[in-house]
Amino acid sequence: MVTIGSLCSGYGGLDMGLQSVIGGEVLWHFEYDKAPSKILAHHYPDIPNHGDITKTDWDIPAVDWLTAGYPCQPFSEAGKRKGV
C-alpha cells in the first residue's frame, strides 16, 4: 500500500487529490490552525494531526509520498490577496 504524509495540511485537499489519483493511505498530518484542523479531524478521524511542524521531534512513520500545502492567504479571500 502507498502511504502519504502531509505537511501544512490545511483542510487536506492535496491529500484527497493525491488519494483520488494514486489511492493510498494518509498516515499523518501537520496542521496547527484550529479551523482546518477540525476539518481534518472530520475527514480523517483516525489519522494523527501533529500540529506545528516547528515543534515536533519527527518520531513519525516514513511515507512514500509527501504533500505540503502552500499558504493560501496571499491568494484567497482568507487573506489580503496581495500575492507572493
Protein backbone atom coordinates (compact mmCIF):
# COMPACT_ATOMS: atom_id res chain seq x y z
CA MET A 1 0.00 0.00 0.00
CA VAL A 2 1.17 3.54 -0.82
CA THR A 3 1.49 5.82 2.21
CA ILE A 4 1.08 9.59 2.38
CA GLY A 5 2.28 12.20 4.88
CA SER A 6 1.06 15.78 4.88
CA LEU A 7 2.81 19.00 5.94
CA CYS A 8 0.96 22.32 6.24
CA SER A 9 -2.12 20.23 5.50
CA GLY A 10 -4.84 22.85 5.56
CA TYR A 11 -8.15 21.02 5.22
CA GLY A 12 -6.46 18.07 3.45
CA GLY A 13 -7.22 19.00 -0.16
CA LEU A 14 -3.82 17.94 -1.50
CA ASP A 15 -4.10 14.64 0.33
CA MET A 16 -7.58 13.96 -1.05
CA GLY A 17 -6.42 14.86 -4.57
CA LEU A 18 -3.42 12.55 -4.36
CA GLN A 19 -5.56 9.75 -2.96
CA SER A 20 -8.01 10.14 -5.85
CA VAL A 21 -5.16 9.58 -8.33
CA ILE A 22 -2.90 7.00 -6.68
CA GLY A 23 -5.01 5.66 -3.82
CA GLY A 24 -3.07 5.00 -0.67
CA GLU A 25 -3.48 5.90 2.95
CA VAL A 26 -2.65 9.11 4.81
CA LEU A 27 -0.57 8.26 7.89
CA TRP A 28 -0.23 11.70 9.47
CA HIS A 29 -0.88 15.43 9.14
CA PHE A 30 0.83 18.58 10.38
CA GLU A 31 -1.61 21.48 10.67
CA TYR A 32 -1.64 23.98 13.55
CA ASP A 33 -4.58 26.20 12.59
CA LYS A 34 -7.74 25.28 14.51
CA ALA A 35 -10.30 25.70 11.70
CA PRO A 36 -8.70 23.39 9.12
CA SER A 37 -7.69 21.01 11.92
CA LYS A 38 -11.38 20.49 12.68
CA ILE A 39 -11.99 19.59 9.03
CA LEU A 40 -9.05 17.16 9.09
CA ALA A 41 -10.46 15.54 12.23
CA HIS A 42 -13.79 15.10 10.42
CA HIS A 43 -12.34 13.64 7.19
CA TYR A 44 -9.53 11.69 8.87
CA PRO A 45 -10.73 10.86 12.42
CA ASP A 46 -8.15 8.11 12.97
CA ILE A 47 -5.15 9.95 11.50
CA PRO A 48 -2.96 11.92 13.92
CA ASN A 49 -2.50 15.64 13.40
CA HIS A 50 0.88 16.52 14.86
CA GLY A 51 0.20 20.26 14.81
CA ASP A 52 3.07 22.69 14.41
CA ILE A 53 5.93 21.32 12.30
CA THR A 54 8.41 23.52 14.18
CA LYS A 55 7.58 21.81 17.48
CA THR A 56 7.88 18.11 16.67
CA ASP A 57 10.52 15.51 17.36
CA TRP A 58 9.80 13.88 13.96
CA ASP A 59 9.26 10.46 15.51
CA ILE A 60 6.70 9.60 12.82
CA PRO A 61 6.32 6.78 10.31
CA ALA A 62 8.14 7.11 6.99
CA VAL A 63 5.89 7.63 3.95
CA ASP A 64 6.07 7.04 0.20
CA TRP A 65 4.53 10.41 -0.76
CA LEU A 66 4.78 13.76 0.97
CA THR A 67 2.36 16.61 0.35
CA ALA A 68 2.95 20.15 1.55
CA GLY A 69 0.45 22.96 1.35
CA TYR A 70 1.23 26.44 0.19
CA PRO A 71 -0.20 29.30 2.25
CA CYS A 72 -3.44 30.34 0.57
CA GLN A 73 -3.76 33.70 2.32
CA PRO A 74 -1.87 35.66 -0.38
CA PHE A 75 -4.39 34.50 -2.99
CA SER A 76 -7.65 33.64 -1.28
CA GLU A 77 -10.39 35.57 0.43
CA ALA A 78 -8.81 34.36 3.71
CA GLY A 79 -6.06 36.96 3.35
CA LYS A 80 -5.30 40.34 1.85
CA ARG A 81 -4.85 38.91 -1.67
CA LYS A 82 -1.52 40.64 -2.26
CA GLY A 83 0.09 37.62 -3.97
CA VAL A 84 3.60 36.50 -3.20
